[in-house]
Amino acid sequence: MNENQADILEIIKDLVKINSIIATELIQLVENSSSQLRGEIPDSCIGQHLELRKDIISIAEKWNPDCQVLREHNLKHG
């Protein structure tokens, strides 16, 4: 792998991590909005959102070993 390819790989890894942060924060935004509009979050959504968070975190960790804050922050929401 040449230097340019290594740089591109690092950029892609950064983008995976950034997109993982955005995705999990969007889940939280949906939950907060639902809670404000309905007074609660449907039980079915709570479980599914936790599974989505776990999947997103796994993808982020696959490419970025330093995702501990992402993991800790998001799993406390579920």
PDB file of N, CA and C in Angstrom:
ATOM      1  N   MET A   1       0.851  -1.171   0.000  1.00  0.00           N
ATOM      2  CA  MET A   1       0.000   0.000   0.000  1.00  0.00           C
ATOM      3  C   MET A   1       0.897   1.235   0.000  1.00  0.00           C
ATOM      4  N   ASN A   2       0.622   2.144  -0.915  1.00  0.00           N
ATOM      5  CA  ASN A   2       1.448   3.346  -0.955  1.00  0.00           C
ATOM      6  C   ASN A   2       0.921   4.391   0.037  1.00  0.00           C
ATOM      7  N   GLU A   3       1.655   5.486   0.154  1.00  0.00           N
ATOM      8  CA  GLU A   3       1.318   6.511   1.143  1.00  0.00           C
ATOM      9  C   GLU A   3      -0.063   7.116   0.891  1.00  0.00           C
ATOM     10  N   ASN A   4      -0.405   7.356  -0.357  1.00  0.00           N
ATOM     11  CA  ASN A   4      -1.703   7.928  -0.704  1.00  0.00           C
ATOM     12  C   ASN A   4      -2.844   6.984  -0.300  1.00  0.00           C
ATOM     13  N   GLN A   5      -2.660   5.699  -0.549  1.00  0.00           N
ATOM     14  CA  GLN A   5      -3.670   4.721  -0.174  1.00  0.00           C
ATOM     15  C   GLN A   5      -3.830   4.645   1.344  1.00  0.00           C
ATOM     16  N   ALA A   6      -2.718   4.722   2.052  1.00  0.00           N
ATOM     17  CA  ALA A   6      -2.775   4.707   3.519  1.00  0.00           C
ATOM     18  C   ALA A   6      -3.521   5.929   4.040  1.00  0.00           C
ATOM     19  N   ASP A   7      -3.280   7.086   3.420  1.00  0.00           N
ATOM     20  CA  ASP A   7      -3.993   8.309   3.823  1.00  0.00           C
ATOM     21  C   ASP A   7      -5.490   8.170   3.579  1.00  0.00           C
ATOM     22  N   ILE A   8      -5.850   7.619   2.429  1.00  0.00           N
ATOM     23  CA  ILE A   8      -7.263   7.435   2.102  1.00  0.00           C
ATOM     24  C   ILE A   8      -7.914   6.468   3.084  1.00  0.00           C
ATOM     25  N   LEU A   9      -7.215   5.413   3.439  1.00  0.00           N
ATOM     26  CA  LEU A   9      -7.729   4.459   4.419  1.00  0.00           C
ATOM     27  C   LEU A   9      -7.967   5.144   5.761  1.00  0.00           C
ATOM     28  N   GLU A  10      -7.064   5.977   6.193  1.00  0.00           N
ATOM     29  CA  GLU A  10      -7.237   6.698   7.461  1.00  0.00           C
ATOM     30  C   GLU A  10      -8.425   7.660   7.406  1.00  0.00           C
ATOM     31  N   ILE A  11      -8.599   8.314   6.267  1.00  0.00           N
ATOM     32  CA  ILE A  11      -9.748   9.212   6.100  1.00  0.00           C
ATOM     33  C   ILE A  11     -11.048   8.414   6.191  1.00  0.00           C
ATOM     34  N   ILE A  12     -11.088   7.273   5.542  1.00  0.00           N
ATOM     35  CA  ILE A  12     -12.295   6.441   5.578  1.00  0.00           C
ATOM     36  C   ILE A  12     -12.574   5.968   7.005  1.00  0.00           C
ATOM     37  N   LYS A  13     -11.540   5.572   7.727  1.00  0.00           N
ATOM     38  CA  LYS A  13     -11.719   5.160   9.126  1.00  0.00           C
ATOM     39  C   LYS A  13     -12.288   6.311   9.956  1.00  0.00           C
ATOM     40  N   ASP A  14     -11.768   7.516   9.739  1.00  0.00           N
ATOM     41  CA  ASP A  14     -12.291   8.689  10.447  1.00  0.00           C
ATOM     42  C   ASP A  14     -13.756   8.923  10.105  1.00  0.00           C
ATOM     43  N   LEU A  15     -14.097   8.775   8.834  1.00  0.00           N
ATOM     44  CA  LEU A  15     -15.486   8.988   8.411  1.00  0.00           C
ATOM     45  C   LEU A  15     -16.428   7.942   9.003  1.00  0.00           C
ATOM     46  N   VAL A  16     -15.969   6.709   9.112  1.00  0.00           N
ATOM     47  CA  VAL A  16     -16.783   5.661   9.748  1.00  0.00           C
ATOM     48  C   VAL A  16     -17.069   6.048  11.199  1.00  0.00           C
ATOM     49  N   LYS A  17     -16.043   6.516  11.896  1.00  0.00           N
ATOM     50  CA  LYS A  17     -16.231   6.899  13.297  1.00  0.00           C
ATOM     51  C   LYS A  17     -17.163   8.109  13.415  1.00  0.00           C
ATOM     52  N   ILE A  18     -16.946   9.113  12.588  1.00  0.00           N
ATOM     53  CA  ILE A  18     -17.801  10.304  12.624  1.00  0.00           C
ATOM     54  C   ILE A  18     -19.247   9.933  12.302  1.00  0.00           C
ATOM     55  N   ASN A  19     -19.462   9.112  11.285  1.00  0.00           N
ATOM     56  CA  ASN A  19     -20.817   8.699  10.937  1.00  0.00           C
ATOM     57  C   ASN A  19     -21.456   7.871  12.045  1.00  0.00           C
ATOM     58  N   SER A  20     -20.671   7.114  12.762  1.00  0.00           N
ATOM     59  CA  SER A  20     -21.191   6.341  13.888  1.00  0.00           C
ATOM     60  C   SER A  20     -21.660   7.269  15.006  1.00  0.00           C
ATOM     61  N   ILE A  21     -20.898   8.303  15.248  1.00  0.00           N
ATOM     62  CA  ILE A  21     -21.292   9.288  16.256  1.00  0.00           C
ATOM     63  C   ILE A  21     -22.593   9.969  15.831  1.00  0.00           C
ATOM     64  N   ILE A  22     -22.651  10.388  14.580  1.00  0.00           N
ATOM     65  CA  ILE A  22     -23.856  11.054  14.069  1.00  0.00           C
ATOM     66  C   ILE A  22     -25.061  10.117  14.161  1.00  0.00           C
ATOM     67  N   ALA A  23     -24.892   8.873  13.759  1.00  0.00           N
ATOM     68  CA  ALA A  23     -26.006   7.922  13.767  1.00  0.00           C
ATOM     69  C   ALA A  23     -26.541   7.687  15.178  1.00  0.00           C
ATOM     70  N   THR A  24     -25.647   7.498  16.134  1.00  0.00           N
ATOM     71  CA  THR A  24     -26.121   7.240  17.497  1.00  0.00           C
ATOM     72  C   THR A  24     -26.742   8.490  18.117  1.00  0.00           C
ATOM     73  N   GLU A  25     -26.220   9.650  17.787  1.00  0.00           N
ATOM     74  CA  GLU A  25     -26.818  10.886  18.302  1.00  0.00           C
ATOM     75  C   GLU A  25     -28.188  11.134  17.669  1.00  0.00           C
ATOM     76  N   LEU A  26     -28.364  10.748  16.413  1.00  0.00           N
ATOM     77  CA  LEU A  26     -29.679  10.869  15.779  1.00  0.00           C
ATOM     78  C   LEU A  26     -30.698   9.950  16.442  1.00  0.00           C
ATOM     79  N   ILE A  27     -30.280   8.761  16.812  1.00  0.00           N
ATOM     80  CA  ILE A  27     -31.177   7.865  17.556  1.00  0.00           C
ATOM     81  C   ILE A  27     -31.613   8.537  18.847  1.00  0.00           C
ATOM     82  N   GLN A  28     -30.676   9.151  19.543  1.00  0.00           N
ATOM     83  CA  GLN A  28     -31.015   9.825  20.795  1.00  0.00           C
ATOM     84  C   GLN A  28     -31.948  11.002  20.551  1.00  0.00           C
ATOM     85  N   LEU A  29     -31.732  11.725  19.480  1.00  0.00           N
ATOM     86  CA  LEU A  29     -32.597  12.848  19.126  1.00  0.00           C
ATOM     87  C   LEU A  29     -34.024  12.366  18.866  1.00  0.00           C
ATOM     88  N   VAL A  30     -34.169  11.257  18.157  1.00  0.00           N
ATOM     89  CA  VAL A  30     -35.489  10.683  17.903  1.00  0.00           C
ATOM     90  C   VAL A  30     -36.153  10.293  19.221  1.00  0.00           C
ATOM     91  N   GLU A  31     -35.401   9.672  20.120  1.00  0.00           N
ATOM     92  CA  GLU A  31     -35.968   9.285  21.412  1.00  0.00           C
ATOM     93  C   GLU A  31     -36.390  10.511  22.221  1.00  0.00           C
ATOM     94  N   ASN A  32     -35.560  11.530  22.231  1.00  0.00           N
ATOM     95  CA  ASN A  32     -35.910  12.739  22.970  1.00  0.00           C
ATOM     96  C   ASN A  32     -37.155  13.395  22.385  1.00  0.00           C
ATOM     97  N   SER A  33     -37.242  13.455  21.070  1.00  0.00           N
ATOM     98  CA  SER A  33     -38.406  14.051  20.411  1.00  0.00           C
ATOM     99  C   SER A  33     -39.664  13.246  20.707  1.00  0.00           C
ATOM    100  N   SER A  34     -39.548  11.938  20.625  1.00  0.00           N
ATOM    101  CA  SER A  34     -40.687  11.064  20.910  1.00  0.00           C
ATOM    102  C   SER A  34     -41.156  11.246  22.343  1.00  0.00           C
ATOM    103  N   SER A  35     -40.209  11.319  23.240  1.00  0.00           N
ATOM    104  CA  SER A  35     -40.543  11.508  24.653  1.00  0.00           C
ATOM    105  C   SER A  35     -41.272  12.827  24.882  1.00  0.00           C
ATOM    106  N   GLN A  36     -40.817  13.872  24.209  1.00  0.00           N
ATOM    107  CA  GLN A  36     -41.467  15.178  24.360  1.00  0.00           C
ATOM    108  C   GLN A  36     -42.856  15.192  23.737  1.00  0.00           C
ATOM    109  N   LEU A  37     -43.010  14.552  22.582  1.00  0.00           N
ATOM    110  CA  LEU A  37     -44.298  14.564  21.885  1.00  0.00           C
ATOM    111  C   LEU A  37     -45.317  13.607  22.498  1.00  0.00           C
ATOM    112  N   ARG A  38     -44.870  12.435  22.896  1.00  0.00           N
ATOM    113  CA  ARG A  38     -45.777  11.388  23.390  1.00  0.00           C
ATOM    114  C   ARG A  38     -45.761  11.227  24.903  1.00  0.00           C
ATOM    115  N   GLY A  39     -44.769  11.809  25.517  1.00  0.00           N
ATOM    116  CA  GLY A  39     -44.625  11.624  26.959  1.00  0.00           C
ATOM    117  C   GLY A  39     -43.835  10.388  27.328  1.00  0.00           C
ATOM    118  N   GLU A  40     -43.536   9.554  26.342  1.00  0.00           N
ATOM    119  CA  GLU A  40     -42.749   8.341  26.589  1.00  0.00           C
ATOM    120  C   GLU A  40     -42.193   7.822  25.267  1.00  0.00           C
ATOM    121  N   ILE A  41     -41.271   6.903  25.396  1.00  0.00           N
ATOM    122  CA  ILE A  41     -40.708   6.229  24.225  1.00  0.00           C
ATOM    123  C   ILE A  41     -41.331   4.839  24.188  1.00  0.00           C
ATOM    124  N   PRO A  42     -41.931   4.436  23.062  1.00  0.00           N
ATOM    125  CA  PRO A  42     -42.518   3.093  22.993  1.00  0.00           C
ATOM    126  C   PRO A  42     -41.494   2.017  23.350  1.00  0.00           C
ATOM    127  N   ASP A  43     -41.931   1.019  24.108  1.00  0.00           N
ATOM    128  CA  ASP A  43     -41.030  -0.060  24.532  1.00  0.00           C
ATOM    129  C   ASP A  43     -40.354  -0.751  23.355  1.00  0.00           C
ATOM    130  N   SER A  44     -41.109  -0.938  22.268  1.00  0.00           N
ATOM    131  CA  SER A  44     -40.514  -1.613  21.104  1.00  0.00           C
ATOM    132  C   SER A  44     -39.353  -0.804  20.545  1.00  0.00           C
ATOM    133  N   CYS A  45     -39.464   0.511  20.592  1.00  0.00           N
ATOM    134  CA  CYS A  45     -38.390   1.372  20.079  1.00  0.00           C
ATOM    135  C   CYS A  45     -37.160   1.321  20.981  1.00  0.00           C
ATOM    136  N   ILE A  46     -37.382   1.285  22.264  1.00  0.00           N
ATOM    137  CA  ILE A  46     -36.251   1.274  23.200  1.00  0.00           C
ATOM    138  C   ILE A  46     -35.344   0.083  22.917  1.00  0.00           C
ATOM    139  N   GLY A  47     -35.912  -1.093  22.788  1.00  0.00           N
ATOM    140  CA  GLY A  47     -35.118  -2.294  22.511  1.00  0.00           C
ATOM    141  C   GLY A  47     -34.450  -2.255  21.151  1.00  0.00           C
ATOM    142  N   GLN A  48     -35.189  -1.812  20.151  1.00  0.00           N
ATOM    143  CA  GLN A  48     -34.626  -1.742  18.807  1.00  0.00           C
ATOM    144  C   GLN A  48     -33.527  -0.690  18.717  1.00  0.00           C
ATOM    145  N   HIS A  49     -33.712   0.426  19.378  1.00  0.00           N
ATOM    146  CA  HIS A  49     -32.686   1.473  19.369  1.00  0.00           C
ATOM    147  C   HIS A  49     -31.409   0.987  20.038  1.00  0.00           C
ATOM    148  N   LEU A  50     -31.537   0.231  21.114  1.00  0.00           N
ATOM    149  CA  LEU A  50     -30.352  -0.321  21.773  1.00  0.00           C
ATOM    150  C   LEU A  50     -29.604  -1.254  20.829  1.00  0.00           C
ATOM    151  N   GLU A  51     -30.336  -2.105  20.115  1.00  0.00           N
ATOM    152  CA  GLU A  51     -29.691  -3.010  19.160  1.00  0.00           C
ATOM    153  C   GLU A  51     -29.025  -2.233  18.032  1.00  0.00           C
ATOM    154  N   LEU A  52     -29.676  -1.184  17.541  1.00  0.00           N
ATOM    155  CA  LEU A  52     -29.061  -0.345  16.515  1.00  0.00           C
ATOM    156  C   LEU A  52     -27.784   0.309  17.032  1.00  0.00           C
ATOM    157  N   ARG A  53     -27.831   0.818  18.266  1.00  0.00           N
ATOM    158  CA  ARG A  53     -26.630   1.422  18.862  1.00  0.00           C
ATOM    159  C   ARG A  53     -25.484   0.412  18.908  1.00  0.00           C
ATOM    160  N   LYS A  54     -25.796  -0.802  19.355  1.00  0.00           N
ATOM    161  CA  LYS A  54     -24.769  -1.843  19.454  1.00  0.00           C
ATOM    162  C   LYS A  54     -24.176  -2.155  18.084  1.00  0.00           C
ATOM    163  N   ASP A  55     -25.036  -2.253  17.066  1.00  0.00           N
ATOM    164  CA  ASP A  55     -24.552  -2.524  15.709  1.00  0.00           C
ATOM    165  C   ASP A  55     -23.643  -1.393  15.224  1.00  0.00           C
ATOM    166  N   ILE A  56     -24.071  -0.168  15.436  1.00  0.00           N
ATOM    167  CA  ILE A  56     -23.287   0.995  14.999  1.00  0.00           C
ATOM    168  C   ILE A  56     -21.941   1.028  15.710  1.00  0.00           C
ATOM    169  N   ILE A  57     -21.945   0.768  17.004  1.00  0.00           N
ATOM    170  CA  ILE A  57     -20.698   0.762  17.773  1.00  0.00           C
ATOM    171  C   ILE A  57     -19.769  -0.346  17.281  1.00  0.00           C
ATOM    172  N   SER A  58     -20.319  -1.504  16.982  1.00  0.00           N
ATOM    173  CA  SER A  58     -19.500  -2.617  16.468  1.00  0.00           C
ATOM    174  C   SER A  58     -18.833  -2.251  15.152  1.00  0.00           C
ATOM    175  N   ILE A  59     -19.578  -1.591  14.278  1.00  0.00           N
ATOM    176  CA  ILE A  59     -19.003  -1.160  13.003  1.00  0.00           C
ATOM    177  C   ILE A  59     -17.882  -0.152  13.246  1.00  0.00           C
ATOM    178  N   ALA A  60     -18.127   0.805  14.130  1.00  0.00           N
ATOM    179  CA  ALA A  60     -17.102   1.812  14.430  1.00  0.00           C
ATOM    180  C   ALA A  60     -15.848   1.153  15.004  1.00  0.00           C
ATOM    181  N   GLU A  61     -16.044   0.214  15.934  1.00  0.00           N
ATOM    182  CA  GLU A  61     -14.905  -0.448  16.575  1.00  0.00           C
ATOM    183  C   GLU A  61     -14.154  -1.376  15.618  1.00  0.00           C
ATOM    184  N   LYS A  62     -14.837  -1.868  14.622  1.00  0.00           N
ATOM    185  CA  LYS A  62     -14.187  -2.725  13.620  1.00  0.00           C
ATOM    186  C   LYS A  62     -13.051  -1.978  12.928  1.00  0.00           C
ATOM    187  N   TRP A  63     -13.237  -0.686  12.703  1.00  0.00           N
ATOM    188  CA  TRP A  63     -12.272   0.110  11.960  1.00  0.00           C
ATOM    189  C   TRP A  63     -11.493   1.088  12.832  1.00  0.00           C
ATOM    190  N   ASN A  64     -11.953   1.314  14.061  1.00  0.00           N
ATOM    191  CA  ASN A  64     -11.310   2.280  14.953  1.00  0.00           C
ATOM    192  C   ASN A  64     -11.233   1.692  16.355  1.00  0.00           C
ATOM    193  N   PRO A  65     -10.077   1.289  16.793  1.00  0.00           N
ATOM    194  CA  PRO A  65      -9.971   0.674  18.105  1.00  0.00           C
ATOM    195  C   PRO A  65     -10.278   1.628  19.266  1.00  0.00           C
ATOM    196  N   ASP A  66     -10.225   2.917  19.032  1.00  0.00           N
ATOM    197  CA  ASP A  66     -10.430   3.892  20.104  1.00  0.00           C
ATOM    198  C   ASP A  66     -11.847   4.464  20.056  1.00  0.00           C
ATOM    199  N   CYS A  67     -12.815   3.637  20.428  1.00  0.00           N
ATOM    200  CA  CYS A  67     -14.223   4.071  20.433  1.00  0.00           C
ATOM    201  C   CYS A  67     -14.861   3.892  21.808  1.00  0.00           C
ATOM    202  N   GLN A  68     -14.051   3.886  22.848  1.00  0.00           N
ATOM    203  CA  GLN A  68     -14.565   3.641  24.197  1.00  0.00           C
ATOM    204  C   GLN A  68     -15.583   4.690  24.632  1.00  0.00           C
ATOM    205  N   VAL A  69     -15.350   5.949  24.324  1.00  0.00           N
ATOM    206  CA  VAL A  69     -16.293   7.000  24.702  1.00  0.00           C
ATOM    207  C   VAL A  69     -17.610   6.803  23.960  1.00  0.00           C
ATOM    208  N   LEU A  70     -17.540   6.474  22.682  1.00  0.00           N
ATOM    209  CA  LEU A  70     -18.751   6.202  21.906  1.00  0.00           C
ATOM    210  C   LEU A  70     -19.535   5.069  22.543  1.00  0.00           C
ATOM    211  N   ARG A  71     -18.845   3.986  22.901  1.00  0.00           N
ATOM    212  CA  ARG A  71     -19.504   2.828  23.529  1.00  0.00           C
ATOM    213  C   ARG A  71     -20.121   3.217  24.873  1.00  0.00           C
ATOM    214  N   GLU A  72     -19.351   3.808  25.748  1.00  0.00           N
ATOM    215  CA  GLU A  72     -19.843   4.145  27.080  1.00  0.00           C
ATOM    216  C   GLU A  72     -21.002   5.133  27.029  1.00  0.00           C
ATOM    217  N   HIS A  73     -20.869   6.151  26.225  1.00  0.00           N
ATOM    218  CA  HIS A  73     -21.899   7.186  26.138  1.00  0.00           C
ATOM    219  C   HIS A  73     -23.216   6.619  25.612  1.00  0.00           C
ATOM    220  N   ASN A  74     -23.147   5.788  24.591  1.00  0.00           N
ATOM    221  CA  ASN A  74     -24.371   5.308  23.955  1.00  0.00           C
ATOM    222  C   ASN A  74     -25.041   4.162  24.663  1.00  0.00           C
ATOM    223  N   LEU A  75     -24.297   3.298  25.278  1.00  0.00           N
ATOM    224  CA  LEU A  75     -24.940   2.163  25.939  1.00  0.00           C
ATOM    225  C   LEU A  75     -25.628   2.565  27.237  1.00  0.00           C
ATOM    226  N   LYS A  76     -25.272   3.714  27.793  1.00  0.00           N
ATOM    227  CA  LYS A  76     -25.988   4.156  28.988  1.00  0.00           C
ATOM    228  C   LYS A  76     -27.375   4.684  28.627  1.00  0.00           C
ATOM    229  N   HIS A  77     -27.600   5.031  27.349  1.00  0.00           N
ATOM    230  CA  HIS A  77     -28.908   5.508  26.920  1.00  0.00           C
ATOM    231  C   HIS A  77     -29.919   4.361  26.835  1.00  0.00           C
ATOM    232  N   GLY A  78     -29.417   3.157  26.567  1.00  0.00           N
ATOM    233  CA  GLY A  78     -30.321   2.034  26.305  1.00  0.00           C
ATOM    234  C   GLY A  78     -30.823   1.410  27.485  1.00  0.00           C
TER     235      GLY A  78
END
